[in-house]
N, C-alpha and C. Protein backbone atom coordinates (compact mmCIF):
# COMPACT_ATOMS: atom_id res chain seq x y z
N MET A 1 95.46 86.77 117.77
CA MET A 1 95.74 88.11 117.32
C MET A 1 96.99 88.13 116.47
N ALA A 2 96.98 88.94 115.45
CA ALA A 2 98.16 89.11 114.60
C ALA A 2 98.85 90.42 114.96
N HIS A 3 100.16 90.48 114.71
CA HIS A 3 100.96 91.67 115.00
C HIS A 3 101.40 92.30 113.68
N TYR A 4 101.30 93.61 113.60
CA TYR A 4 101.61 94.34 112.38
C TYR A 4 102.55 95.50 112.68
N TYR A 5 103.29 95.95 111.66
CA TYR A 5 104.19 97.09 111.76
C TYR A 5 103.98 98.02 110.58
N SER A 6 104.19 99.32 110.83
CA SER A 6 104.19 100.30 109.75
C SER A 6 104.99 101.50 110.21
N GLY A 7 105.75 102.09 109.30
CA GLY A 7 106.54 103.26 109.64
C GLY A 7 106.79 104.12 108.42
N MET A 8 107.35 105.29 108.68
CA MET A 8 107.60 106.24 107.59
C MET A 8 108.42 107.42 108.09
N THR A 9 108.86 108.24 107.16
CA THR A 9 109.33 109.58 107.48
C THR A 9 108.09 110.45 107.38
N THR A 10 107.76 111.18 108.46
CA THR A 10 106.53 111.96 108.45
C THR A 10 106.57 113.03 107.35
N THR A 11 105.42 113.33 106.82
CA THR A 11 105.31 114.34 105.76
C THR A 11 105.03 115.73 106.32
N ILE A 12 104.59 115.77 107.59
CA ILE A 12 104.37 117.04 108.28
C ILE A 12 104.91 116.90 109.70
N ALA A 13 105.16 118.03 110.36
CA ALA A 13 105.59 118.01 111.76
C ALA A 13 104.41 117.80 112.69
N GLY A 14 103.21 118.09 112.20
CA GLY A 14 102.01 117.95 113.01
C GLY A 14 101.68 119.21 113.78
N THR A 15 100.44 119.28 114.25
CA THR A 15 99.97 120.35 115.12
C THR A 15 99.08 119.71 116.17
N THR A 16 98.47 120.52 117.01
CA THR A 16 97.59 119.97 118.05
C THR A 16 96.34 119.31 117.47
N THR A 17 96.03 119.57 116.20
CA THR A 17 94.86 118.94 115.57
C THR A 17 95.20 118.21 114.27
N LEU A 18 96.48 118.15 113.92
CA LEU A 18 96.90 117.44 112.70
C LEU A 18 97.96 116.41 113.07
N PRO A 19 97.56 115.14 113.30
CA PRO A 19 98.55 114.12 113.62
C PRO A 19 99.56 113.96 112.49
N CYS A 20 100.82 113.76 112.85
CA CYS A 20 101.84 113.55 111.81
C CYS A 20 101.90 112.09 111.39
N PHE A 21 101.38 111.17 112.22
CA PHE A 21 101.32 109.75 111.92
C PHE A 21 100.19 109.18 112.76
N SER A 22 99.45 108.24 112.19
CA SER A 22 98.31 107.70 112.93
C SER A 22 97.97 106.30 112.44
N ILE A 23 97.16 105.65 113.25
CA ILE A 23 96.58 104.37 112.84
C ILE A 23 95.08 104.49 113.00
N LEU A 24 94.36 104.10 111.95
CA LEU A 24 92.90 104.22 111.93
C LEU A 24 92.25 102.88 112.20
N SER A 25 91.16 102.93 112.96
CA SER A 25 90.32 101.77 113.23
C SER A 25 89.39 101.54 112.04
N THR A 26 88.62 100.49 112.13
CA THR A 26 87.51 100.29 111.21
C THR A 26 86.24 100.44 112.04
N ALA A 27 85.09 100.29 111.41
CA ALA A 27 83.83 100.40 112.15
C ALA A 27 83.74 99.37 113.27
N THR A 28 84.41 98.21 113.09
CA THR A 28 84.28 97.13 114.08
C THR A 28 85.60 96.64 114.68
N VAL A 29 86.73 97.09 114.18
CA VAL A 29 88.04 96.63 114.68
C VAL A 29 88.88 97.83 115.08
N ALA A 30 89.43 97.77 116.30
CA ALA A 30 90.33 98.82 116.79
C ALA A 30 91.70 98.21 117.06
N PRO A 31 92.78 98.95 116.78
CA PRO A 31 94.11 98.43 117.05
C PRO A 31 94.44 98.49 118.54
N THR A 32 95.33 97.60 118.95
CA THR A 32 95.94 97.69 120.27
C THR A 32 97.41 97.99 120.04
N LEU A 33 97.80 99.23 120.30
CA LEU A 33 99.17 99.67 120.07
C LEU A 33 100.09 98.98 121.07
N ARG A 34 101.14 98.32 120.58
CA ARG A 34 102.09 97.59 121.43
C ARG A 34 103.44 98.27 121.54
N GLU A 35 103.80 99.05 120.52
CA GLU A 35 105.08 99.73 120.56
C GLU A 35 105.09 100.89 119.59
N ILE A 36 105.97 101.84 119.90
CA ILE A 36 106.17 102.99 119.03
C ILE A 36 107.65 103.37 119.13
N ALA A 37 108.20 103.73 118.01
CA ALA A 37 109.58 104.24 117.98
C ALA A 37 109.58 105.52 117.17
N VAL A 38 110.30 106.53 117.68
CA VAL A 38 110.32 107.84 117.03
C VAL A 38 111.75 108.38 117.08
N TRP A 39 112.23 108.86 115.93
CA TRP A 39 113.56 109.45 115.83
C TRP A 39 113.43 110.88 115.32
N ASN A 40 114.15 111.79 115.92
CA ASN A 40 114.22 113.17 115.46
C ASN A 40 115.10 113.22 114.22
N THR A 41 114.70 113.98 113.21
CA THR A 41 115.51 114.12 111.99
C THR A 41 116.19 115.47 111.92
N THR A 42 116.07 116.26 113.00
CA THR A 42 116.65 117.60 113.03
C THR A 42 117.50 117.76 114.29
N SER A 43 118.09 118.93 114.46
CA SER A 43 118.85 119.22 115.68
C SER A 43 118.07 120.17 116.58
N VAL A 44 116.74 120.11 116.49
CA VAL A 44 115.86 120.92 117.33
C VAL A 44 115.04 119.98 118.20
N ALA A 45 115.07 120.20 119.52
CA ALA A 45 114.30 119.36 120.44
C ALA A 45 112.80 119.51 120.17
N CYS A 46 112.05 118.45 120.45
CA CYS A 46 110.60 118.50 120.30
C CYS A 46 109.97 117.47 121.23
N ALA A 47 108.69 117.63 121.50
CA ALA A 47 107.96 116.70 122.37
C ALA A 47 106.66 116.31 121.69
N TYR A 48 106.22 115.07 121.94
CA TYR A 48 105.01 114.53 121.33
C TYR A 48 104.18 113.78 122.35
N ARG A 49 102.92 113.56 121.99
CA ARG A 49 102.02 112.76 122.81
C ARG A 49 101.12 111.92 121.91
N LEU A 50 100.57 110.88 122.47
CA LEU A 50 99.62 110.03 121.76
C LEU A 50 98.21 110.40 122.20
N VAL A 51 97.31 110.48 121.22
CA VAL A 51 95.91 110.80 121.51
C VAL A 51 95.00 109.86 120.72
N THR A 52 93.79 109.69 121.21
CA THR A 52 92.75 109.10 120.39
C THR A 52 91.99 110.26 119.77
N PHE A 53 91.46 110.03 118.57
CA PHE A 53 90.78 111.11 117.85
C PHE A 53 89.70 110.53 116.97
N THR A 54 88.94 111.44 116.38
CA THR A 54 87.95 111.07 115.38
C THR A 54 87.92 112.17 114.32
N GLY A 55 87.47 111.81 113.13
CA GLY A 55 87.31 112.78 112.05
C GLY A 55 88.61 113.19 111.39
N GLY A 56 88.59 114.32 110.73
CA GLY A 56 89.76 114.85 110.04
C GLY A 56 89.91 114.30 108.64
N THR A 57 90.93 114.81 107.95
CA THR A 57 91.25 114.36 106.60
C THR A 57 92.62 113.70 106.65
N ALA A 58 92.63 112.39 106.50
CA ALA A 58 93.87 111.61 106.63
C ALA A 58 94.77 111.77 105.42
N GLY A 59 96.08 111.65 105.67
CA GLY A 59 97.06 111.63 104.60
C GLY A 59 97.08 110.26 103.94
N ALA A 60 98.09 110.02 103.14
CA ALA A 60 98.20 108.79 102.36
C ALA A 60 98.34 107.55 103.26
N ALA A 61 97.74 106.46 102.81
CA ALA A 61 97.90 105.17 103.50
C ALA A 61 99.35 104.73 103.41
N GLN A 62 99.84 104.08 104.46
CA GLN A 62 101.23 103.62 104.50
C GLN A 62 101.28 102.10 104.43
N THR A 63 102.41 101.58 104.01
CA THR A 63 102.59 100.13 103.89
C THR A 63 102.57 99.49 105.27
N VAL A 64 101.87 98.38 105.38
CA VAL A 64 101.80 97.61 106.63
C VAL A 64 102.49 96.28 106.40
N ARG A 65 103.34 95.87 107.35
CA ARG A 65 104.04 94.59 107.26
C ARG A 65 103.53 93.65 108.35
N ALA A 66 103.47 92.39 108.01
CA ALA A 66 103.07 91.35 108.95
C ALA A 66 103.80 90.07 108.59
N PRO A 67 103.94 89.15 109.55
CA PRO A 67 104.55 87.87 109.23
C PRO A 67 103.71 87.13 108.19
N SER A 68 104.36 86.28 107.42
CA SER A 68 103.60 85.51 106.43
C SER A 68 102.63 84.59 107.15
N GLY A 69 101.52 84.35 106.50
CA GLY A 69 100.52 83.45 107.05
C GLY A 69 99.47 84.11 107.92
N VAL A 70 99.62 85.40 108.21
CA VAL A 70 98.58 86.07 108.99
C VAL A 70 97.69 86.87 108.03
N PRO A 71 96.46 87.11 108.41
CA PRO A 71 95.57 87.86 107.51
C PRO A 71 96.04 89.30 107.35
N PRO A 72 95.68 89.94 106.24
CA PRO A 72 96.04 91.35 106.05
C PRO A 72 95.47 92.21 107.17
N ALA A 73 96.17 93.28 107.50
CA ALA A 73 95.70 94.21 108.53
C ALA A 73 94.39 94.87 108.10
N LEU A 74 93.50 95.05 109.05
CA LEU A 74 92.27 95.80 108.80
C LEU A 74 92.47 97.27 109.14
N CYS A 75 93.22 97.54 110.21
CA CYS A 75 93.55 98.91 110.58
C CYS A 75 94.70 99.38 109.68
N ILE A 76 94.74 100.65 109.39
CA ILE A 76 95.73 101.16 108.44
C ILE A 76 96.40 102.42 108.99
N THR A 77 97.69 102.52 108.74
CA THR A 77 98.41 103.72 109.16
C THR A 77 98.33 104.78 108.08
N ARG A 78 98.41 106.04 108.53
CA ARG A 78 98.26 107.16 107.62
C ARG A 78 99.35 108.20 107.85
N ALA A 79 99.75 108.84 106.77
CA ALA A 79 100.68 109.97 106.83
C ALA A 79 99.95 111.17 107.43
N GLY A 80 100.65 112.30 107.51
CA GLY A 80 100.13 113.50 108.14
C GLY A 80 98.77 113.95 107.63
N TYR A 81 97.94 114.39 108.56
CA TYR A 81 96.59 114.85 108.26
C TYR A 81 96.61 116.22 107.60
N THR A 82 95.65 116.45 106.71
CA THR A 82 95.51 117.75 106.06
C THR A 82 94.26 118.48 106.52
N GLY A 83 93.40 117.80 107.26
CA GLY A 83 92.20 118.41 107.84
C GLY A 83 92.14 118.04 109.31
N ALA A 84 91.76 118.97 110.15
CA ALA A 84 91.81 118.82 111.60
C ALA A 84 90.97 117.65 112.11
N VAL A 85 91.53 116.96 113.12
CA VAL A 85 90.82 115.90 113.84
C VAL A 85 90.22 116.50 115.10
N THR A 86 89.31 115.77 115.71
CA THR A 86 88.80 116.11 117.03
C THR A 86 89.47 115.18 118.02
N VAL A 87 90.31 115.73 118.90
CA VAL A 87 90.98 114.90 119.90
C VAL A 87 89.96 114.45 120.93
N VAL A 88 89.88 113.13 121.15
CA VAL A 88 88.94 112.56 122.11
C VAL A 88 89.60 112.46 123.48
N ALA A 89 90.84 111.93 123.53
CA ALA A 89 91.52 111.75 124.81
C ALA A 89 93.03 111.72 124.62
N ASP A 90 93.72 112.22 125.61
CA ASP A 90 95.17 112.08 125.71
C ASP A 90 95.37 110.70 126.33
N VAL A 91 96.07 109.80 125.66
CA VAL A 91 96.18 108.43 126.18
C VAL A 91 97.34 108.23 127.14
N GLY A 92 98.08 109.27 127.44
CA GLY A 92 99.09 109.20 128.49
C GLY A 92 100.53 109.34 128.07
N PRO A 93 101.05 108.45 127.21
CA PRO A 93 102.47 108.53 126.90
C PRO A 93 102.86 109.84 126.23
N ARG A 94 103.88 110.46 126.79
CA ARG A 94 104.47 111.67 126.23
C ARG A 94 105.96 111.45 126.20
N PHE A 95 106.62 112.06 125.28
CA PHE A 95 108.07 111.92 125.23
C PHE A 95 108.70 113.14 124.60
N ARG A 96 109.95 113.38 124.98
CA ARG A 96 110.72 114.50 124.45
C ARG A 96 111.90 113.94 123.69
N LEU A 97 112.05 114.43 122.47
CA LEU A 97 113.19 114.04 121.65
C LEU A 97 114.27 115.10 121.81
N PRO A 98 115.52 114.69 122.01
CA PRO A 98 116.59 115.65 122.23
C PRO A 98 116.91 116.45 120.96
N ALA A 99 117.64 117.55 121.17
CA ALA A 99 118.06 118.42 120.07
C ALA A 99 119.26 117.80 119.37
N ALA A 100 119.03 116.65 118.77
CA ALA A 100 120.10 115.93 118.07
C ALA A 100 119.48 115.06 116.99
N ASP A 101 120.03 115.15 115.79
CA ASP A 101 119.58 114.27 114.71
C ASP A 101 119.77 112.83 115.18
N ALA A 102 118.77 112.01 115.03
CA ALA A 102 118.74 110.60 115.41
C ALA A 102 118.49 110.39 116.90
N GLY A 103 118.20 111.45 117.66
CA GLY A 103 117.74 111.26 119.03
C GLY A 103 116.43 110.50 118.98
N ALA A 104 116.28 109.47 119.82
CA ALA A 104 115.13 108.58 119.67
C ALA A 104 114.46 108.25 120.99
N VAL A 105 113.21 107.84 120.88
CA VAL A 105 112.44 107.28 121.98
C VAL A 105 111.77 106.02 121.44
N ILE A 106 111.90 104.93 122.18
CA ILE A 106 111.24 103.68 121.82
C ILE A 106 110.43 103.25 123.03
N LEU A 107 109.13 103.13 122.87
CA LEU A 107 108.24 102.78 123.96
C LEU A 107 107.53 101.48 123.66
N GLY A 108 107.48 100.59 124.63
CA GLY A 108 106.70 99.36 124.53
C GLY A 108 105.54 99.43 125.50
N PHE A 109 104.40 98.94 125.10
CA PHE A 109 103.21 98.98 125.93
C PHE A 109 102.78 97.56 126.24
N GLY A 110 103.17 97.05 127.38
CA GLY A 110 102.82 95.70 127.79
C GLY A 110 101.39 95.63 128.29
N GLY A 111 101.05 94.53 128.92
CA GLY A 111 99.71 94.35 129.47
C GLY A 111 98.65 94.51 128.42
N ASP A 112 97.75 95.45 128.64
CA ASP A 112 96.64 95.68 127.72
C ASP A 112 97.01 96.55 126.53
N GLY A 113 98.22 97.12 126.52
CA GLY A 113 98.61 98.00 125.43
C GLY A 113 97.84 99.31 125.47
N ILE A 114 97.94 100.05 124.40
CA ILE A 114 97.16 101.30 124.22
C ILE A 114 96.09 100.95 123.19
N TRP A 115 94.85 100.89 123.63
CA TRP A 115 93.79 100.46 122.72
C TRP A 115 93.07 101.65 122.12
N GLY A 116 92.74 101.50 120.87
CA GLY A 116 91.99 102.52 120.16
C GLY A 116 90.50 102.27 120.30
N ASP A 117 89.73 103.18 119.76
CA ASP A 117 88.28 103.04 119.73
C ASP A 117 87.86 102.57 118.35
N ALA A 118 86.87 101.69 118.28
CA ALA A 118 86.34 101.29 116.97
C ALA A 118 85.51 102.44 116.41
N GLY A 119 85.52 102.58 115.12
CA GLY A 119 84.75 103.63 114.45
C GLY A 119 85.39 103.97 113.13
N ALA A 120 84.60 104.29 112.15
CA ALA A 120 85.09 104.52 110.80
C ALA A 120 86.10 105.65 110.69
N THR A 121 86.06 106.65 111.57
CA THR A 121 87.04 107.74 111.53
C THR A 121 87.83 107.84 112.82
N ALA A 122 87.80 106.80 113.65
CA ALA A 122 88.52 106.80 114.93
C ALA A 122 89.96 106.37 114.71
N GLY A 123 90.86 106.90 115.53
CA GLY A 123 92.26 106.50 115.41
C GLY A 123 93.08 106.87 116.62
N ILE A 124 94.35 106.47 116.56
CA ILE A 124 95.36 106.86 117.54
C ILE A 124 96.39 107.66 116.76
N GLY A 125 96.71 108.86 117.25
CA GLY A 125 97.61 109.71 116.50
C GLY A 125 98.74 110.27 117.34
N LEU A 126 99.78 110.66 116.65
CA LEU A 126 100.97 111.26 117.25
C LEU A 126 100.93 112.75 116.94
N ILE A 127 100.81 113.58 117.99
CA ILE A 127 100.75 115.03 117.78
C ILE A 127 101.81 115.72 118.65
N PRO A 128 102.32 116.86 118.18
CA PRO A 128 103.35 117.56 118.95
C PRO A 128 102.78 118.31 120.14
N ILE A 129 103.63 118.47 121.13
CA ILE A 129 103.36 119.37 122.24
C ILE A 129 104.22 120.59 121.93
N GLY A 130 103.61 121.65 121.47
CA GLY A 130 104.38 122.80 120.99
C GLY A 130 104.74 122.59 119.53
N THR A 131 105.94 123.03 119.14
CA THR A 131 106.37 122.93 117.75
C THR A 131 106.96 121.56 117.48
N GLY A 132 106.47 120.89 116.46
CA GLY A 132 106.97 119.57 116.10
C GLY A 132 108.07 119.63 115.06
N GLN A 133 108.60 118.48 114.72
CA GLN A 133 109.64 118.33 113.71
C GLN A 133 109.28 117.17 112.79
N ILE A 134 109.96 117.05 111.68
CA ILE A 134 109.81 115.87 110.83
C ILE A 134 110.49 114.71 111.55
N LEU A 135 109.82 113.56 111.58
CA LEU A 135 110.28 112.41 112.34
C LEU A 135 110.40 111.16 111.49
N GLU A 136 111.18 110.21 111.95
CA GLU A 136 111.11 108.82 111.51
C GLU A 136 110.28 108.14 112.59
N VAL A 137 109.29 107.35 112.21
CA VAL A 137 108.38 106.77 113.20
C VAL A 137 107.91 105.39 112.75
N TYR A 138 107.64 104.52 113.72
CA TYR A 138 106.90 103.30 113.41
C TYR A 138 105.99 102.95 114.57
N PHE A 139 104.88 102.29 114.25
CA PHE A 139 103.94 101.73 115.22
C PHE A 139 103.96 100.22 115.04
N GLY A 140 103.85 99.49 116.12
CA GLY A 140 103.60 98.05 116.10
C GLY A 140 102.30 97.81 116.85
N TRP A 141 101.38 97.05 116.29
CA TRP A 141 100.08 96.85 116.91
C TRP A 141 99.54 95.45 116.67
N ASP A 142 98.55 95.11 117.49
CA ASP A 142 97.80 93.86 117.34
C ASP A 142 96.37 94.19 116.93
N GLU A 143 95.76 93.27 116.23
CA GLU A 143 94.32 93.40 115.95
C GLU A 143 93.74 92.03 115.76
């Protein structure tokens, strides 16, 4: 398995049906999320959760980094969605960012990680619980 990273400043704060950052599967390959880091860019507290989803209208593809010598990533990260997704499942991790610029949460997922579902429009997304904020975020995953 190869390990990949991608991050960005989110383009939207997100809603319950519009992920602010996500990773999409392919028809036959699903990512295994190994880590996530999120920083608040405002002085307003906010909370987020990870979900699996399908459908929707994805934002722009984001740059993916990997060590040299590994194959290019098949799964791709996307900026904020502009069309609603269908949430399939809440995958468990939730976190609250403090009311401070640069307040952060960094989560590692050992063992089996957080696995996505294979499918052309399936993904793992970051959505707010309540009102979201613009974030700095990165995902690290295996595929």
